[in-house]
Amino acid sequence: MQTVGLSMICAGLAFLLLSFLLSESTLTWGIVLGTSILLNITGTALIMRFLKAPNITADMQQSRGRNL
């Protein structure tokens, strides 16, 4: 999940850089910027979900320590 989020952010940055190469504000420019924004927000949300997920292995180790 983490690598998917990072990949989406990298793709969003690529679209942002592509928007700098377009000469003037056109429909294509808007589509490229919109795609960049959506990919960056989605990638960030996936990374935040990964960071908020509880650490399952640490919980298992703590529960084993209590049983000993």
PDB file of N, CA and C in Angstrom:
ATOM      1  N   MET A   1       0.830  -1.188   0.000  1.00  0.00           N
ATOM      2  CA  MET A   1       0.000   0.000   0.000  1.00  0.00           C
ATOM      3  C   MET A   1       0.874   1.251   0.000  1.00  0.00           C
ATOM      4  N   GLN A   2       1.982   1.185   0.710  1.00  0.00           N
ATOM      5  CA  GLN A   2       2.871   2.343   0.781  1.00  0.00           C
ATOM      6  C   GLN A   2       3.493   2.640  -0.585  1.00  0.00           C
ATOM      7  N   THR A   3       3.899   1.602  -1.308  1.00  0.00           N
ATOM      8  CA  THR A   3       4.524   1.836  -2.610  1.00  0.00           C
ATOM      9  C   THR A   3       3.510   2.346  -3.631  1.00  0.00           C
ATOM     10  N   VAL A   4       2.257   1.945  -3.489  1.00  0.00           N
ATOM     11  CA  VAL A   4       1.221   2.456  -4.391  1.00  0.00           C
ATOM     12  C   VAL A   4       1.031   3.948  -4.160  1.00  0.00           C
ATOM     13  N   GLY A   5       1.015   4.359  -2.898  1.00  0.00           N
ATOM     14  CA  GLY A   5       0.876   5.776  -2.576  1.00  0.00           C
ATOM     15  C   GLY A   5       2.038   6.595  -3.103  1.00  0.00           C
ATOM     16  N   LEU A   6       3.239   6.082  -2.920  1.00  0.00           N
ATOM     17  CA  LEU A   6       4.407   6.799  -3.433  1.00  0.00           C
ATOM     18  C   LEU A   6       4.411   6.866  -4.952  1.00  0.00           C
ATOM     19  N   SER A   7       3.964   5.793  -5.588  1.00  0.00           N
ATOM     20  CA  SER A   7       3.883   5.791  -7.056  1.00  0.00           C
ATOM     21  C   SER A   7       2.880   6.820  -7.557  1.00  0.00           C
ATOM     22  N   MET A   8       1.758   6.932  -6.861  1.00  0.00           N
ATOM     23  CA  MET A   8       0.749   7.912  -7.271  1.00  0.00           C
ATOM     24  C   MET A   8       1.266   9.344  -7.084  1.00  0.00           C
ATOM     25  N   ILE A   9       1.992   9.576  -6.011  1.00  0.00           N
ATOM     26  CA  ILE A   9       2.557  10.908  -5.786  1.00  0.00           C
ATOM     27  C   ILE A   9       3.594  11.232  -6.851  1.00  0.00           C
ATOM     28  N   CYS A  10       4.427  10.265  -7.198  1.00  0.00           N
ATOM     29  CA  CYS A  10       5.425  10.492  -8.255  1.00  0.00           C
ATOM     30  C   CYS A  10       4.758  10.767  -9.598  1.00  0.00           C
ATOM     31  N   ALA A  11       3.678  10.049  -9.888  1.00  0.00           N
ATOM     32  CA  ALA A  11       2.943  10.306 -11.134  1.00  0.00           C
ATOM     33  C   ALA A  11       2.318  11.692 -11.105  1.00  0.00           C
ATOM     34  N   GLY A  12       1.805  12.104  -9.952  1.00  0.00           N
ATOM     35  CA  GLY A  12       1.243  13.442  -9.815  1.00  0.00           C
ATOM     36  C   GLY A  12       2.280  14.518 -10.029  1.00  0.00           C
ATOM     37  N   LEU A  13       3.478  14.295  -9.502  1.00  0.00           N
ATOM     38  CA  LEU A  13       4.562  15.259  -9.718  1.00  0.00           C
ATOM     39  C   LEU A  13       4.978  15.300 -11.184  1.00  0.00           C
ATOM     40  N   ALA A  14       4.946  14.149 -11.844  1.00  0.00           N
ATOM     41  CA  ALA A  14       5.274  14.123 -13.271  1.00  0.00           C
ATOM     42  C   ALA A  14       4.266  14.937 -14.078  1.00  0.00           C
ATOM     43  N   PHE A  15       2.977  14.809 -13.733  1.00  0.00           N
ATOM     44  CA  PHE A  15       1.963  15.604 -14.429  1.00  0.00           C
ATOM     45  C   PHE A  15       2.121  17.091 -14.116  1.00  0.00           C
ATOM     46  N   LEU A  16       2.528  17.413 -12.891  1.00  0.00           N
ATOM     47  CA  LEU A  16       2.771  18.814 -12.546  1.00  0.00           C
ATOM     48  C   LEU A  16       3.914  19.387 -13.376  1.00  0.00           C
ATOM     49  N   LEU A  17       4.985  18.623 -13.511  1.00  0.00           N
ATOM     50  CA  LEU A  17       6.104  19.077 -14.331  1.00  0.00           C
ATOM     51  C   LEU A  17       5.708  19.186 -15.798  1.00  0.00           C
ATOM     52  N   LEU A  18       4.856  18.280 -16.249  1.00  0.00           N
ATOM     53  CA  LEU A  18       4.362  18.347 -17.619  1.00  0.00           C
ATOM     54  C   LEU A  18       3.544  19.617 -17.849  1.00  0.00           C
ATOM     55  N   SER A  19       2.812  20.048 -16.828  1.00  0.00           N
ATOM     56  CA  SER A  19       2.011  21.267 -16.979  1.00  0.00           C
ATOM     57  C   SER A  19       2.891  22.500 -17.156  1.00  0.00           C
ATOM     58  N   PHE A  20       4.107  22.467 -16.631  1.00  0.00           N
ATOM     59  CA  PHE A  20       5.028  23.590 -16.820  1.00  0.00           C
ATOM     60  C   PHE A  20       5.501  23.690 -18.269  1.00  0.00           C
ATOM     61  N   LEU A  21       5.467  22.580 -18.978  1.00  0.00           N
ATOM     62  CA  LEU A  21       5.934  22.583 -20.361  1.00  0.00           C
ATOM     63  C   LEU A  21       4.884  23.076 -21.352  1.00  0.00           C
ATOM     64  N   LEU A  22       3.621  23.080 -20.940  1.00  0.00           N
ATOM     65  CA  LEU A  22       2.563  23.545 -21.836  1.00  0.00           C
ATOM     66  C   LEU A  22       2.630  25.059 -21.958  1.00  0.00           C
ATOM     67  N   SER A  23       2.433  25.547 -23.167  1.00  0.00           N
ATOM     68  CA  SER A  23       2.672  26.965 -23.445  1.00  0.00           C
ATOM     69  C   SER A  23       1.631  27.900 -22.832  1.00  0.00           C
ATOM     70  N   GLU A  24       0.362  27.585 -22.932  1.00  0.00           N
ATOM     71  CA  GLU A  24      -0.655  28.494 -22.426  1.00  0.00           C
ATOM     72  C   GLU A  24      -1.793  27.720 -21.783  1.00  0.00           C
ATOM     73  N   SER A  25      -2.633  28.428 -21.078  1.00  0.00           N
ATOM     74  CA  SER A  25      -3.741  27.797 -20.367  1.00  0.00           C
ATOM     75  C   SER A  25      -4.810  27.330 -21.361  1.00  0.00           C
ATOM     76  N   THR A  26      -4.883  26.044 -21.518  1.00  0.00           N
ATOM     77  CA  THR A  26      -5.867  25.441 -22.414  1.00  0.00           C
ATOM     78  C   THR A  26      -6.606  24.351 -21.650  1.00  0.00           C
ATOM     79  N   LEU A  27      -7.480  23.671 -22.345  1.00  0.00           N
ATOM     80  CA  LEU A  27      -8.196  22.552 -21.739  1.00  0.00           C
ATOM     81  C   LEU A  27      -7.217  21.452 -21.329  1.00  0.00           C
ATOM     82  N   THR A  28      -6.211  21.227 -22.151  1.00  0.00           N
ATOM     83  CA  THR A  28      -5.196  20.213 -21.835  1.00  0.00           C
ATOM     84  C   THR A  28      -4.465  20.565 -20.547  1.00  0.00           C
ATOM     85  N   TRP A  29      -4.151  21.839 -20.371  1.00  0.00           N
ATOM     86  CA  TRP A  29      -3.458  22.306 -19.165  1.00  0.00           C
ATOM     87  C   TRP A  29      -4.313  22.032 -17.924  1.00  0.00           C
ATOM     88  N   GLY A  30      -5.607  22.295 -18.026  1.00  0.00           N
ATOM     89  CA  GLY A  30      -6.512  22.040 -16.907  1.00  0.00           C
ATOM     90  C   GLY A  30      -6.624  20.566 -16.581  1.00  0.00           C
ATOM     91  N   ILE A  31      -6.679  19.733 -17.615  1.00  0.00           N
ATOM     92  CA  ILE A  31      -6.770  18.284 -17.393  1.00  0.00           C
ATOM     93  C   ILE A  31      -5.498  17.767 -16.738  1.00  0.00           C
ATOM     94  N   VAL A  32      -4.352  18.251 -17.197  1.00  0.00           N
ATOM     95  CA  VAL A  32      -3.071  17.800 -16.629  1.00  0.00           C
ATOM     96  C   VAL A  32      -2.958  18.231 -15.169  1.00  0.00           C
ATOM     97  N   LEU A  33      -3.321  19.468 -14.868  1.00  0.00           N
ATOM     98  CA  LEU A  33      -3.258  19.925 -13.478  1.00  0.00           C
ATOM     99  C   LEU A  33      -4.269  19.205 -12.594  1.00  0.00           C
ATOM    100  N   GLY A  34      -5.470  18.973 -13.114  1.00  0.00           N
ATOM    101  CA  GLY A  34      -6.470  18.234 -12.347  1.00  0.00           C
ATOM    102  C   GLY A  34      -6.024  16.815 -12.043  1.00  0.00           C
ATOM    103  N   THR A  35      -5.427  16.174 -13.018  1.00  0.00           N
ATOM    104  CA  THR A  35      -4.895  14.820 -12.810  1.00  0.00           C
ATOM    105  C   THR A  35      -3.795  14.829 -11.764  1.00  0.00           C
ATOM    106  N   SER A  36      -2.930  15.825 -11.829  1.00  0.00           N
ATOM    107  CA  SER A  36      -1.842  15.956 -10.859  1.00  0.00           C
ATOM    108  C   SER A  36      -2.388  16.103  -9.443  1.00  0.00           C
ATOM    109  N   ILE A  37      -3.380  16.962  -9.284  1.00  0.00           N
ATOM    110  CA  ILE A  37      -3.960  17.187  -7.954  1.00  0.00           C
ATOM    111  C   ILE A  37      -4.621  15.919  -7.421  1.00  0.00           C
ATOM    112  N   LEU A  38      -5.398  15.248  -8.264  1.00  0.00           N
ATOM    113  CA  LEU A  38      -6.072  14.017  -7.825  1.00  0.00           C
ATOM    114  C   LEU A  38      -5.081  12.921  -7.436  1.00  0.00           C
ATOM    115  N   LEU A  39      -4.037  12.737  -8.237  1.00  0.00           N
ATOM    116  CA  LEU A  39      -3.044  11.703  -7.925  1.00  0.00           C
ATOM    117  C   LEU A  39      -2.294  12.022  -6.633  1.00  0.00           C
ATOM    118  N   ASN A  40      -1.946  13.287  -6.440  1.00  0.00           N
ATOM    119  CA  ASN A  40      -1.221  13.659  -5.222  1.00  0.00           C
ATOM    120  C   ASN A  40      -2.086  13.499  -3.976  1.00  0.00           C
ATOM    121  N   ILE A  41      -3.338  13.897  -4.051  1.00  0.00           N
ATOM    122  CA  ILE A  41      -4.227  13.757  -2.889  1.00  0.00           C
ATOM    123  C   ILE A  41      -4.494  12.286  -2.584  1.00  0.00           C
ATOM    124  N   THR A  42      -4.742  11.489  -3.619  1.00  0.00           N
ATOM    125  CA  THR A  42      -5.009  10.064  -3.419  1.00  0.00           C
ATOM    126  C   THR A  42      -3.781   9.346  -2.867  1.00  0.00           C
ATOM    127  N   GLY A  43      -2.612   9.649  -3.416  1.00  0.00           N
ATOM    128  CA  GLY A  43      -1.382   9.032  -2.916  1.00  0.00           C
ATOM    129  C   GLY A  43      -1.098   9.398  -1.473  1.00  0.00           C
ATOM    130  N   THR A  44      -1.340  10.657  -1.123  1.00  0.00           N
ATOM    131  CA  THR A  44      -1.130  11.088   0.262  1.00  0.00           C
ATOM    132  C   THR A  44      -2.114  10.392   1.195  1.00  0.00           C
ATOM    133  N   ALA A  45      -3.352  10.244   0.765  1.00  0.00           N
ATOM    134  CA  ALA A  45      -4.350   9.553   1.589  1.00  0.00           C
ATOM    135  C   ALA A  45      -3.963   8.092   1.815  1.00  0.00           C
ATOM    136  N   LEU A  46      -3.445   7.443   0.783  1.00  0.00           N
ATOM    137  CA  LEU A  46      -3.023   6.043   0.949  1.00  0.00           C
ATOM    138  C   LEU A  46      -1.852   5.929   1.927  1.00  0.00           C
ATOM    139  N   ILE A  47      -0.926   6.855   1.851  1.00  0.00           N
ATOM    140  CA  ILE A  47       0.212   6.819   2.781  1.00  0.00           C
ATOM    141  C   ILE A  47      -0.254   7.106   4.199  1.00  0.00           C
ATOM    142  N   MET A  48      -1.170   8.055   4.356  1.00  0.00           N
ATOM    143  CA  MET A  48      -1.683   8.356   5.700  1.00  0.00           C
ATOM    144  C   MET A  48      -2.435   7.163   6.283  1.00  0.00           C
ATOM    145  N   ARG A  49      -3.185   6.445   5.454  1.00  0.00           N
ATOM    146  CA  ARG A  49      -3.877   5.244   5.928  1.00  0.00           C
ATOM    147  C   ARG A  49      -2.860   4.196   6.383  1.00  0.00           C
ATOM    148  N   PHE A  50      -1.764   4.071   5.634  1.00  0.00           N
ATOM    149  CA  PHE A  50      -0.720   3.120   6.003  1.00  0.00           C
ATOM    150  C   PHE A  50      -0.075   3.515   7.330  1.00  0.00           C
ATOM    151  N   LEU A  51       0.155   4.805   7.542  1.00  0.00           N
ATOM    152  CA  LEU A  51       0.795   5.265   8.771  1.00  0.00           C
ATOM    153  C   LEU A  51      -0.128   5.150   9.976  1.00  0.00           C
ATOM    154  N   LYS A  52      -1.444   5.283   9.765  1.00  0.00           N
ATOM    155  CA  LYS A  52      -2.394   5.190  10.872  1.00  0.00           C
ATOM    156  C   LYS A  52      -2.705   3.752  11.262  1.00  0.00           C
ATOM    157  N   ALA A  53      -2.411   2.788  10.402  1.00  0.00           N
ATOM    158  CA  ALA A  53      -2.727   1.387  10.679  1.00  0.00           C
ATOM    159  C   ALA A  53      -1.935   0.916  11.898  1.00  0.00           C
ATOM    160  N   PRO A  54      -2.579   0.194  12.803  1.00  0.00           N
ATOM    161  CA  PRO A  54      -1.860  -0.288  13.981  1.00  0.00           C
ATOM    162  C   PRO A  54      -0.791  -1.309  13.598  1.00  0.00           C
ATOM    163  N   ASN A  55       0.249  -1.308  14.364  1.00  0.00           N
ATOM    164  CA  ASN A  55       1.351  -2.232  14.113  1.00  0.00           C
ATOM    165  C   ASN A  55       0.981  -3.596  14.687  1.00  0.00           C
ATOM    166  N   ILE A  56       0.614  -4.515  13.839  1.00  0.00           N
ATOM    167  CA  ILE A  56       0.104  -5.813  14.275  1.00  0.00           C
ATOM    168  C   ILE A  56       1.184  -6.634  14.961  1.00  0.00           C
ATOM    169  N   THR A  57       2.395  -6.607  14.465  1.00  0.00           N
ATOM    170  CA  THR A  57       3.449  -7.432  15.063  1.00  0.00           C
ATOM    171  C   THR A  57       3.795  -6.941  16.462  1.00  0.00           C
ATOM    172  N   ALA A  58       3.777  -5.647  16.700  1.00  0.00           N
ATOM    173  CA  ALA A  58       4.067  -5.131  18.039  1.00  0.00           C
ATOM    174  C   ALA A  58       2.968  -5.533  19.009  1.00  0.00           C
ATOM    175  N   ASP A  59       1.716  -5.509  18.574  1.00  0.00           N
ATOM    176  CA  ASP A  59       0.604  -5.921  19.429  1.00  0.00           C
ATOM    177  C   ASP A  59       0.697  -7.400  19.779  1.00  0.00           C
ATOM    178  N   MET A  60       1.107  -8.221  18.810  1.00  0.00           N
ATOM    179  CA  MET A  60       1.236  -9.653  19.067  1.00  0.00           C
ATOM    180  C   MET A  60       2.349  -9.922  20.064  1.00  0.00           C
ATOM    181  N   GLN A  61       3.455  -9.201  19.956  1.00  0.00           N
ATOM    182  CA  GLN A  61       4.560  -9.394  20.878  1.00  0.00           C
ATOM    183  C   GLN A  61       4.169  -8.966  22.288  1.00  0.00           C
ATOM    184  N   GLN A  62       3.416  -7.906  22.417  1.00  0.00           N
ATOM    185  CA  GLN A  62       2.973  -7.453  23.735  1.00  0.00           C
ATOM    186  C   GLN A  62       2.029  -8.463  24.351  1.00  0.00           C
ATOM    187  N   SER A  63       1.122  -9.039  23.561  1.00  0.00           N
ATOM    188  CA  SER A  63       0.191 -10.002  24.108  1.00  0.00           C
ATOM    189  C   SER A  63       0.923 -11.289  24.506  1.00  0.00           C
ATOM    190  N   ARG A  64       1.952 -11.687  23.800  1.00  0.00           N
ATOM    191  CA  ARG A  64       2.731 -12.867  24.167  1.00  0.00           C
ATOM    192  C   ARG A  64       3.497 -12.617  25.454  1.00  0.00           C
ATOM    193  N   GLY A  65       3.990 -11.402  25.637  1.00  0.00           N
ATOM    194  CA  GLY A  65       4.721 -11.074  26.859  1.00  0.00           C
ATOM    195  C   GLY A  65       3.834 -11.118  28.091  1.00  0.00           C
ATOM    196  N   ARG A  66       2.559 -10.778  27.951  1.00  0.00           N
ATOM    197  CA  ARG A  66       1.636 -10.819  29.072  1.00  0.00           C
ATOM    198  C   ARG A  66       1.278 -12.261  29.460  1.00  0.00           C
ATOM    199  N   ASN A  67       1.280 -13.128  28.442  1.00  0.00           N
ATOM    200  CA  ASN A  67       0.914 -14.537  28.706  1.00  0.00           C
ATOM    201  C   ASN A  67       2.037 -15.321  29.358  1.00  0.00           C
ATOM    202  N   LEU A  68       3.252 -14.829  29.267  1.00  0.00           N
ATOM    203  CA  LEU A  68       4.380 -15.583  29.825  1.00  0.00           C
ATOM    204  C   LEU A  68       4.432 -15.473  31.293  1.00  0.00           C
TER     205      LEU A  68
END
